[in-house]
Amino acid sequence: LEYKIEDLKQHTLELQENIQKGKKEKANIAAE
């Protein structure tokens, strides 16, 4: 379970990074 929690933490960090990238892309597309 501890290993699963660590994996989920890593997955959340990756998802947060993807969200930030998506927000940046959204802002770029809105500007365009």
Full PDB file with SEQRES, HELIX, SHEET, SSBOND, CRYST1, ORIGX, SCALE, CONECT and MASTER records, all heavy atoms in Angstrom:
SEQRES   1 A   32  LEU GLU TYR LYS ILE GLU ASP LEU LYS GLN HIS THR LEU          
SEQRES   2 A   32  GLU LEU GLN GLU ASN ILE GLN LYS GLY LYS LYS GLU LYS          
SEQRES   3 A   32  ALA ASN ILE ALA ALA GLU                                      
HELIX    1 AA1 GLU A    2  ALA A   31  1                                  30    
CRYST1    1.000    1.000    1.000  90.00  90.00  90.00 P 1           1          
ORIGX1      1.000000  0.000000  0.000000        0.00000                         
ORIGX2      0.000000  1.000000  0.000000        0.00000                         
ORIGX3      0.000000  0.000000  1.000000        0.00000                         
SCALE1      1.000000  0.000000  0.000000        0.00000                         
SCALE2      0.000000  1.000000  0.000000        0.00000                         
SCALE3      0.000000  0.000000  1.000000        0.00000                         
ATOM      1  N   LEU A   1       0.837  -1.210   0.000  1.00  0.00           N  
ATOM      2  CA  LEU A   1       0.000   0.000   0.000  1.00  0.00           C  
ATOM      3  C   LEU A   1       0.869   1.257   0.000  1.00  0.00           C  
ATOM      4  O   LEU A   1       0.537   2.245  -0.680  1.00  0.00           O  
ATOM      5  CB  LEU A   1      -0.918  -0.029   1.220  1.00  0.00           C  
ATOM      6  CG  LEU A   1      -2.048  -1.091   1.187  1.00  0.00           C  
ATOM      7  CD1 LEU A   1      -2.696  -1.206   2.548  1.00  0.00           C  
ATOM      8  CD2 LEU A   1      -3.081  -0.757   0.129  1.00  0.00           C  
ATOM      9  N   GLU A   2       1.975   1.234   0.774  1.00  0.00           N  
ATOM     10  CA  GLU A   2       2.875   2.393   0.758  1.00  0.00           C  
ATOM     11  C   GLU A   2       3.456   2.621  -0.624  1.00  0.00           C  
ATOM     12  O   GLU A   2       3.541   3.766  -1.095  1.00  0.00           O  
ATOM     13  CB  GLU A   2       3.994   2.152   1.775  1.00  0.00           C  
ATOM     14  CG  GLU A   2       3.533   2.286   3.211  1.00  0.00           C  
ATOM     15  CD  GLU A   2       4.637   1.938   4.199  1.00  0.00           C  
ATOM     16  OE1 GLU A   2       5.720   1.550   3.710  1.00  0.00           O  
ATOM     17  OE2 GLU A   2       4.421   2.065   5.416  1.00  0.00           O  
ATOM     18  N   TYR A   3       3.849   1.488  -1.288  1.00  0.00           N  
ATOM     19  CA  TYR A   3       4.366   1.627  -2.671  1.00  0.00           C  
ATOM     20  C   TYR A   3       3.289   2.202  -3.591  1.00  0.00           C  
ATOM     21  O   TYR A   3       3.571   3.042  -4.461  1.00  0.00           O  
ATOM     22  CB  TYR A   3       4.831   0.268  -3.188  1.00  0.00           C  
ATOM     23  CG  TYR A   3       6.064  -0.270  -2.535  1.00  0.00           C  
ATOM     24  CD1 TYR A   3       6.225  -1.637  -2.314  1.00  0.00           C  
ATOM     25  CD2 TYR A   3       7.081   0.594  -2.113  1.00  0.00           C  
ATOM     26  CE1 TYR A   3       7.358  -2.136  -1.686  1.00  0.00           C  
ATOM     27  CE2 TYR A   3       8.223   0.095  -1.499  1.00  0.00           C  
ATOM     28  CZ  TYR A   3       8.359  -1.258  -1.277  1.00  0.00           C  
ATOM     29  OH  TYR A   3       9.475  -1.767  -0.684  1.00  0.00           O  
ATOM     30  N   LYS A   4       2.011   1.726  -3.405  1.00  0.00           N  
ATOM     31  CA  LYS A   4       0.916   2.246  -4.243  1.00  0.00           C  
ATOM     32  C   LYS A   4       0.709   3.734  -4.009  1.00  0.00           C  
ATOM     33  O   LYS A   4       0.469   4.503  -4.939  1.00  0.00           O  
ATOM     34  CB  LYS A   4      -0.366   1.482  -3.931  1.00  0.00           C  
ATOM     35  CG  LYS A   4      -0.408   0.086  -4.536  1.00  0.00           C  
ATOM     36  CD  LYS A   4      -1.727  -0.588  -4.231  1.00  0.00           C  
ATOM     37  CE  LYS A   4      -1.755  -2.000  -4.828  1.00  0.00           C  
ATOM     38  NZ  LYS A   4      -3.007  -2.714  -4.496  1.00  0.00           N  
ATOM     39  N   ILE A   5       0.803   4.148  -2.718  1.00  0.00           N  
ATOM     40  CA  ILE A   5       0.634   5.583  -2.401  1.00  0.00           C  
ATOM     41  C   ILE A   5       1.720   6.394  -3.088  1.00  0.00           C  
ATOM     42  O   ILE A   5       1.444   7.458  -3.667  1.00  0.00           O  
ATOM     43  CB  ILE A   5       0.653   5.772  -0.871  1.00  0.00           C  
ATOM     44  CG1 ILE A   5      -0.640   5.220  -0.263  1.00  0.00           C  
ATOM     45  CG2 ILE A   5       0.802   7.241  -0.504  1.00  0.00           C  
ATOM     46  CD1 ILE A   5      -0.558   4.936   1.220  1.00  0.00           C  
ATOM     47  N   GLU A   6       2.974   5.876  -3.028  1.00  0.00           N  
ATOM     48  CA  GLU A   6       4.079   6.598  -3.697  1.00  0.00           C  
ATOM     49  C   GLU A   6       3.854   6.689  -5.196  1.00  0.00           C  
ATOM     50  O   GLU A   6       4.075   7.743  -5.809  1.00  0.00           O  
ATOM     51  CB  GLU A   6       5.400   5.880  -3.412  1.00  0.00           C  
ATOM     52  CG  GLU A   6       5.854   6.050  -1.974  1.00  0.00           C  
ATOM     53  CD  GLU A   6       7.111   5.258  -1.675  1.00  0.00           C  
ATOM     54  OE1 GLU A   6       7.572   4.570  -2.615  1.00  0.00           O  
ATOM     55  OE2 GLU A   6       7.622   5.337  -0.547  1.00  0.00           O  
ATOM     56  N   ASP A   7       3.358   5.537  -5.807  1.00  0.00           N  
ATOM     57  CA  ASP A   7       3.061   5.574  -7.246  1.00  0.00           C  
ATOM     58  C   ASP A   7       1.970   6.583  -7.564  1.00  0.00           C  
ATOM     59  O   ASP A   7       2.044   7.316  -8.567  1.00  0.00           O  
ATOM     60  CB  ASP A   7       2.628   4.176  -7.710  1.00  0.00           C  
ATOM     61  CG  ASP A   7       3.762   3.190  -7.626  1.00  0.00           C  
ATOM     62  OD1 ASP A   7       4.930   3.626  -7.725  1.00  0.00           O  
ATOM     63  OD2 ASP A   7       3.480   1.976  -7.469  1.00  0.00           O  
ATOM     64  N   LEU A   8       0.911   6.605  -6.701  1.00  0.00           N  
ATOM     65  CA  LEU A   8      -0.178   7.571  -6.934  1.00  0.00           C  
ATOM     66  C   LEU A   8       0.329   9.005  -6.791  1.00  0.00           C  
ATOM     67  O   LEU A   8      -0.106   9.904  -7.547  1.00  0.00           O  
ATOM     68  CB  LEU A   8      -1.317   7.298  -5.951  1.00  0.00           C  
ATOM     69  CG  LEU A   8      -2.140   6.010  -6.224  1.00  0.00           C  
ATOM     70  CD1 LEU A   8      -3.016   5.692  -5.045  1.00  0.00           C  
ATOM     71  CD2 LEU A   8      -2.979   6.176  -7.480  1.00  0.00           C  
ATOM     72  N   LYS A   9       1.235   9.212  -5.817  1.00  0.00           N  
ATOM     73  CA  LYS A   9       1.807  10.564  -5.684  1.00  0.00           C  
ATOM     74  C   LYS A   9       2.539  10.978  -6.947  1.00  0.00           C  
ATOM     75  O   LYS A   9       2.377  12.092  -7.455  1.00  0.00           O  
ATOM     76  CB  LYS A   9       2.756  10.587  -4.491  1.00  0.00           C  
ATOM     77  CG  LYS A   9       2.055  10.645  -3.151  1.00  0.00           C  
ATOM     78  CD  LYS A   9       3.074  10.646  -2.007  1.00  0.00           C  
ATOM     79  CE  LYS A   9       2.401  10.672  -0.656  1.00  0.00           C  
ATOM     80  NZ  LYS A   9       3.385  10.627   0.443  1.00  0.00           N  
ATOM     81  N   GLN A  10       3.362  10.036  -7.444  1.00  0.00           N  
ATOM     82  CA  GLN A  10       4.088  10.332  -8.695  1.00  0.00           C  
ATOM     83  C   GLN A  10       3.117  10.600  -9.839  1.00  0.00           C  
ATOM     84  O   GLN A  10       3.316  11.499 -10.649  1.00  0.00           O  
ATOM     85  CB  GLN A  10       5.010   9.163  -9.037  1.00  0.00           C  
ATOM     86  CG  GLN A  10       6.200   9.038  -8.117  1.00  0.00           C  
ATOM     87  CD  GLN A  10       7.073   7.867  -8.456  1.00  0.00           C  
ATOM     88  OE1 GLN A  10       6.758   7.125  -9.374  1.00  0.00           O  
ATOM     89  NE2 GLN A  10       8.146   7.681  -7.704  1.00  0.00           N  
ATOM     90  N   HIS A  11       1.999   9.774  -9.883  1.00  0.00           N  
ATOM     91  CA  HIS A  11       1.015   9.953 -10.957  1.00  0.00           C  
ATOM     92  C   HIS A  11       0.330  11.320 -10.854  1.00  0.00           C  
ATOM     93  O   HIS A  11       0.098  12.001 -11.864  1.00  0.00           O  
ATOM     94  CB  HIS A  11      -0.015   8.818 -10.860  1.00  0.00           C  
ATOM     95  CG  HIS A  11      -0.973   8.786 -12.024  1.00  0.00           C  
ATOM     96  ND1 HIS A  11      -0.540   8.601 -13.323  1.00  0.00           N  
ATOM     97  CD2 HIS A  11      -2.315   8.931 -12.075  1.00  0.00           C  
ATOM     98  CE1 HIS A  11      -1.586   8.631 -14.129  1.00  0.00           C  
ATOM     99  NE2 HIS A  11      -2.674   8.828 -13.393  1.00  0.00           N  
ATOM    100  N   THR A  12       0.006  11.730  -9.611  1.00  0.00           N  
ATOM    101  CA  THR A  12      -0.614  13.059  -9.423  1.00  0.00           C  
ATOM    102  C   THR A  12       0.333  14.177  -9.856  1.00  0.00           C  
ATOM    103  O   THR A  12      -0.080  15.155 -10.479  1.00  0.00           O  
ATOM    104  CB  THR A  12      -0.993  13.243  -7.952  1.00  0.00           C  
ATOM    105  OG1 THR A  12       0.140  12.938  -7.136  1.00  0.00           O  
ATOM    106  CG2 THR A  12      -2.156  12.345  -7.558  1.00  0.00           C  
ATOM    107  N   LEU A  13       1.624  14.016  -9.505  1.00  0.00           N  
ATOM    108  CA  LEU A  13       2.595  15.030  -9.940  1.00  0.00           C  
ATOM    109  C   LEU A  13       2.664  15.117 -11.460  1.00  0.00           C  
ATOM    110  O   LEU A  13       2.682  16.218 -12.030  1.00  0.00           O  
ATOM    111  CB  LEU A  13       3.978  14.692  -9.372  1.00  0.00           C  
ATOM    112  CG  LEU A  13       4.137  14.853  -7.861  1.00  0.00           C  
ATOM    113  CD1 LEU A  13       5.463  14.252  -7.409  1.00  0.00           C  
ATOM    114  CD2 LEU A  13       4.083  16.324  -7.472  1.00  0.00           C  
ATOM    115  N   GLU A  14       2.651  13.925 -12.097  1.00  0.00           N  
ATOM    116  CA  GLU A  14       2.672  13.930 -13.573  1.00  0.00           C  
ATOM    117  C   GLU A  14       1.414  14.581 -14.132  1.00  0.00           C  
ATOM    118  O   GLU A  14       1.471  15.344 -15.112  1.00  0.00           O  
ATOM    119  CB  GLU A  14       2.797  12.492 -14.073  1.00  0.00           C  
ATOM    120  CG  GLU A  14       4.165  11.893 -13.828  1.00  0.00           C  
ATOM    121  CD  GLU A  14       4.232  10.440 -14.218  1.00  0.00           C  
ATOM    122  OE1 GLU A  14       3.180   9.897 -14.632  1.00  0.00           O  
ATOM    123  OE2 GLU A  14       5.322   9.824 -14.088  1.00  0.00           O  
ATOM    124  N   LEU A  15       0.245  14.242 -13.516  1.00  0.00           N  
ATOM    125  CA  LEU A  15      -1.012  14.853 -13.983  1.00  0.00           C  
ATOM    126  C   LEU A  15      -0.990  16.365 -13.793  1.00  0.00           C  
ATOM    127  O   LEU A  15      -1.464  17.120 -14.661  1.00  0.00           O  
ATOM    128  CB  LEU A  15      -2.193  14.232 -13.238  1.00  0.00           C  
ATOM    129  CG  LEU A  15      -2.530  12.772 -13.616  1.00  0.00           C  
ATOM    130  CD1 LEU A  15      -3.555  12.213 -12.654  1.00  0.00           C  
ATOM    131  CD2 LEU A  15      -3.061  12.695 -15.042  1.00  0.00           C  
ATOM    132  N   GLN A  16      -0.467  16.828 -12.647  1.00  0.00           N  
ATOM    133  CA  GLN A  16      -0.364  18.279 -12.429  1.00  0.00           C  
ATOM    134  C   GLN A  16       0.523  18.940 -13.484  1.00  0.00           C  
ATOM    135  O   GLN A  16       0.199  20.007 -14.010  1.00  0.00           O  
ATOM    136  CB  GLN A  16       0.193  18.541 -11.034  1.00  0.00           C  
ATOM    137  CG  GLN A  16      -0.827  18.299  -9.913  1.00  0.00           C  
ATOM    138  CD  GLN A  16      -0.239  18.447  -8.542  1.00  0.00           C  
ATOM    139  OE1 GLN A  16       0.948  18.742  -8.427  1.00  0.00           O  
ATOM    140  NE2 GLN A  16      -1.062  18.229  -7.505  1.00  0.00           N  
ATOM    141  N   GLU A  17       1.623  18.271 -13.799  1.00  0.00           N  
ATOM    142  CA  GLU A  17       2.495  18.817 -14.857  1.00  0.00           C  
ATOM    143  C   GLU A  17       1.763  18.866 -16.192  1.00  0.00           C  
ATOM    144  O   GLU A  17       1.864  19.848 -16.936  1.00  0.00           O  
ATOM    145  CB  GLU A  17       3.748  17.947 -14.972  1.00  0.00           C  
ATOM    146  CG  GLU A  17       4.698  18.111 -13.804  1.00  0.00           C  
ATOM    147  CD  GLU A  17       5.871  17.167 -13.901  1.00  0.00           C  
ATOM    148  OE1 GLU A  17       5.891  16.351 -14.859  1.00  0.00           O  
ATOM    149  OE2 GLU A  17       6.762  17.226 -13.032  1.00  0.00           O  
ATOM    150  N   ASN A  18       0.991  17.774 -16.497  1.00  0.00           N  
ATOM    151  CA  ASN A  18       0.223  17.765 -17.751  1.00  0.00           C  
ATOM    152  C   ASN A  18      -0.819  18.880 -17.772  1.00  0.00           C  
ATOM    153  O   ASN A  18      -1.064  19.510 -18.804  1.00  0.00           O  
ATOM    154  CB  ASN A  18      -0.454  16.412 -17.928  1.00  0.00           C  
ATOM    155  CG  ASN A  18       0.536  15.320 -18.239  1.00  0.00           C  
ATOM    156  OD1 ASN A  18       1.529  15.580 -18.937  1.00  0.00           O  
ATOM    157  ND2 ASN A  18       0.318  14.126 -17.731  1.00  0.00           N  
ATOM    158  N   ILE A  19      -1.452  19.106 -16.578  1.00  0.00           N  
ATOM    159  CA  ILE A  19      -2.471  20.192 -16.509  1.00  0.00           C  
ATOM    160  C   ILE A  19      -1.824  21.550 -16.778  1.00  0.00           C  
ATOM    161  O   ILE A  19      -2.367  22.385 -17.509  1.00  0.00           O  
ATOM    162  CB  ILE A  19      -3.155  20.149 -15.127  1.00  0.00           C  
ATOM    163  CG1 ILE A  19      -4.083  18.935 -15.054  1.00  0.00           C  
ATOM    164  CG2 ILE A  19      -3.956  21.416 -14.865  1.00  0.00           C  
ATOM    165  CD1 ILE A  19      -4.461  18.549 -13.652  1.00  0.00           C  
ATOM    166  N   GLN A  20      -0.644  21.740 -16.154  1.00  0.00           N  
ATOM    167  CA  GLN A  20       0.054  23.018 -16.391  1.00  0.00           C  
ATOM    168  C   GLN A  20       0.412  23.194 -17.864  1.00  0.00           C  
ATOM    169  O   GLN A  20       0.221  24.281 -18.439  1.00  0.00           O  
ATOM    170  CB  GLN A  20       1.312  23.076 -15.533  1.00  0.00           C  
ATOM    171  CG  GLN A  20       1.019  23.276 -14.054  1.00  0.00           C  
ATOM    172  CD  GLN A  20       2.272  23.230 -13.213  1.00  0.00           C  
ATOM    173  OE1 GLN A  20       3.355  23.070 -13.759  1.00  0.00           O  
ATOM    174  NE2 GLN A  20       2.118  23.381 -11.889  1.00  0.00           N  
ATOM    175  N   LYS A  21       0.875  22.066 -18.476  1.00  0.00           N  
ATOM    176  CA  LYS A  21       1.180  22.142 -19.913  1.00  0.00           C  
ATOM    177  C   LYS A  21      -0.078  22.454 -20.722  1.00  0.00           C  
ATOM    178  O   LYS A  21      -0.053  23.241 -21.670  1.00  0.00           O  
ATOM    179  CB  LYS A  21       1.790  20.818 -20.373  1.00  0.00           C  
ATOM    180  CG  LYS A  21       3.204  20.594 -19.895  1.00  0.00           C  
ATOM    181  CD  LYS A  21       3.714  19.254 -20.360  1.00  0.00           C  
ATOM    182  CE  LYS A  21       5.124  18.994 -19.836  1.00  0.00           C  
ATOM    183  NZ  LYS A  21       5.612  17.653 -20.255  1.00  0.00           N  
ATOM    184  N   GLY A  22      -1.213  21.779 -20.342  1.00  0.00           N  
ATOM    185  CA  GLY A  22      -2.472  22.031 -21.052  1.00  0.00           C  
ATOM    186  C   GLY A  22      -2.930  23.468 -20.911  1.00  0.00           C  
ATOM    187  O   GLY A  22      -3.433  24.077 -21.863  1.00  0.00           O  
ATOM    188  N   LYS A  23      -2.742  24.014 -19.684  1.00  0.00           N  
ATOM    189  CA  LYS A  23      -3.120  25.428 -19.476  1.00  0.00           C  
ATOM    190  C   LYS A  23      -2.289  26.356 -20.348  1.00  0.00           C  
ATOM    191  O   LYS A  23      -2.803  27.323 -20.946  1.00  0.00           O  
ATOM    192  CB  LYS A  23      -2.928  25.777 -18.001  1.00  0.00           C  
ATOM    193  CG  LYS A  23      -4.027  25.219 -17.112  1.00  0.00           C  
ATOM    194  CD  LYS A  23      -3.777  25.583 -15.651  1.00  0.00           C  
ATOM    195  CE  LYS A  23      -4.868  25.017 -14.755  1.00  0.00           C  
ATOM    196  NZ  LYS A  23      -4.616  25.333 -13.339  1.00  0.00           N  
ATOM    197  N   LYS A  24      -0.964  26.027 -20.418  1.00  0.00           N  
ATOM    198  CA  LYS A  24      -0.098  26.859 -21.278  1.00  0.00           C  
ATOM    199  C   LYS A  24      -0.538  26.773 -22.733  1.00  0.00           C  
ATOM    200  O   LYS A  24      -0.626  27.792 -23.434  1.00  0.00           O  
ATOM    201  CB  LYS A  24       1.342  26.387 -21.143  1.00  0.00           C  
ATOM    202  CG  LYS A  24       1.980  26.787 -19.831  1.00  0.00           C  
ATOM    203  CD  LYS A  24       3.416  26.256 -19.755  1.00  0.00           C  
ATOM    204  CE  LYS A  24       4.058  26.603 -18.425  1.00  0.00           C  
ATOM    205  NZ  LYS A  24       5.421  26.068 -18.322  1.00  0.00           N  
ATOM    206  N   GLU A  25      -0.831  25.516 -23.185  1.00  0.00           N  
ATOM    207  CA  GLU A  25      -1.294  25.358 -24.571  1.00  0.00           C  
ATOM    208  C   GLU A  25      -2.619  26.080 -24.798  1.00  0.00           C  
ATOM    209  O   GLU A  25      -2.852  26.683 -25.855  1.00  0.00           O  
ATOM    210  CB  GLU A  25      -1.448  23.865 -24.877  1.00  0.00           C  
ATOM    211  CG  GLU A  25      -0.101  23.140 -24.992  1.00  0.00           C  
ATOM    212  CD  GLU A  25      -0.276  21.666 -25.228  1.00  0.00           C  
ATOM    213  OE1 GLU A  25      -1.436  21.217 -25.231  1.00  0.00           O  
ATOM    214  OE2 GLU A  25       0.760  20.974 -25.386  1.00  0.00           O  
ATOM    215  N   LYS A  26      -3.529  25.997 -23.786  1.00  0.00           N  
ATOM    216  CA  LYS A  26      -4.822  26.691 -23.899  1.00  0.00           C  
ATOM    217  C   LYS A  26      -4.627  28.198 -24.031  1.00  0.00           C  
ATOM    218  O   LYS A  26      -5.287  28.867 -24.847  1.00  0.00           O  
ATOM    219  CB  LYS A  26      -5.645  26.356 -22.656  1.00  0.00           C  
ATOM    220  CG  LYS A  26      -7.077  26.844 -22.708  1.00  0.00           C  
ATOM    221  CD  LYS A  26      -7.821  26.419 -21.454  1.00  0.00           C  
ATOM    222  CE  LYS A  26      -9.259  26.954 -21.495  1.00  0.00           C  
ATOM    223  NZ  LYS A  26      -9.998  26.607 -20.261  1.00  0.00           N  
ATOM    224  N   ALA A  27      -3.703  28.733 -23.223  1.00  0.00           N  
ATOM    225  CA  ALA A  27      -3.445  30.184 -23.296  1.00  0.00           C  
ATOM    226  C   ALA A  27      -2.878  30.560 -24.665  1.00  0.00           C  
ATOM    227  O   ALA A  27      -3.304  31.570 -25.261  1.00  0.00           O  
ATOM    228  CB  ALA A  27      -2.464  30.583 -22.196  1.00  0.00           C  
ATOM    229  N   ASN A  28      -1.962  29.720 -25.162  1.00  0.00           N  
ATOM    230  CA  ASN A  28      -1.388  29.987 -26.491  1.00  0.00           C  
ATOM    231  C   ASN A  28      -2.462  29.948 -27.571  1.00  0.00           C  
ATOM    232  O   ASN A  28      -2.517  30.811 -28.468  1.00  0.00           O  
ATOM    233  CB  ASN A  28      -0.306  28.984 -26.807  1.00  0.00           C  
ATOM    234  CG  ASN A  28       0.907  29.156 -25.917  1.00  0.00           C  
ATOM    235  OD1 ASN A  28       1.247  30.279 -25.548  1.00  0.00           O  
ATOM    236  ND2 ASN A  28       1.550  28.041 -25.578  1.00  0.00           N  
ATOM    237  N   ILE A  29      -3.340  28.919 -27.472  1.00  0.00           N  
ATOM    238  CA  ILE A  29      -4.409  28.791 -28.480  1.00  0.00           C  
ATOM    239  C   ILE A  29      -5.386  29.957 -28.370  1.00  0.00           C  
ATOM    240  O   ILE A  29      -5.880  30.492 -29.384  1.00  0.00           O  
ATOM    241  CB  ILE A  29      -5.121  27.442 -28.301  1.00  0.00           C  
ATOM    242  CG1 ILE A  29      -4.162  26.311 -28.713  1.00  0.00           C  
ATOM    243  CG2 ILE A  29      -6.378  27.360 -29.150  1.00  0.00           C  
ATOM    244  CD1 ILE A  29      -4.565  24.963 -28.193  1.00  0.00           C  
ATOM    245  N   ALA A  30      -5.713  30.401 -27.126  1.00  0.00           N  
ATOM    246  CA  ALA A  30      -6.622  31.555 -26.940  1.00  0.00           C  
ATOM    247  C   ALA A  30      -6.022  32.809 -27.556  1.00  0.00           C  
ATOM    248  O   ALA A  30      -6.729  33.601 -28.209  1.00  0.00           O  
ATOM    249  CB  ALA A  30      -6.882  31.747 -25.440  1.00  0.00           C  
ATOM    250  N   ALA A  31      -4.692  32.984 -27.347  1.00  0.00           N  
ATOM    251  CA  ALA A  31      -4.027  34.161 -27.933  1.00  0.00           C  
ATOM    252  C   ALA A  31      -4.087  34.104 -29.458  1.00  0.00           C  
ATOM    253  O   ALA A  31      -4.361  35.120 -30.120  1.00  0.00           O  
ATOM    254  CB  ALA A  31      -2.584  34.220 -27.467  1.00  0.00           C  
ATOM    255  N   GLU A  32      -3.843  32.887 -29.990  1.00  0.00           N  
ATOM    256  CA  GLU A  32      -3.942  32.749 -31.451  1.00  0.00           C  
ATOM    257  C   GLU A  32      -5.357  33.049 -31.941  1.00  0.00           C  
ATOM    258  O   GLU A  32      -5.545  33.685 -33.003  1.00  0.00           O  
ATOM    259  CB  GLU A  32      -3.528  31.325 -31.837  1.00  0.00           C  
ATOM    260  CG  GLU A  32      -2.041  31.073 -31.693  1.00  0.00           C  
ATOM    261  CD  GLU A  32      -1.671  29.654 -32.010  1.00  0.00           C  
ATOM    262  OE1 GLU A  32      -2.589  28.869 -32.322  1.00  0.00           O  
ATOM    263  OE2 GLU A  32      -0.470  29.312 -31.921  1.00  0.00           O  
TER     264      GLU A  32                                                      
MASTER        0    0    0    1    0    0    0    6  263    1    0    3          
END                                                                             
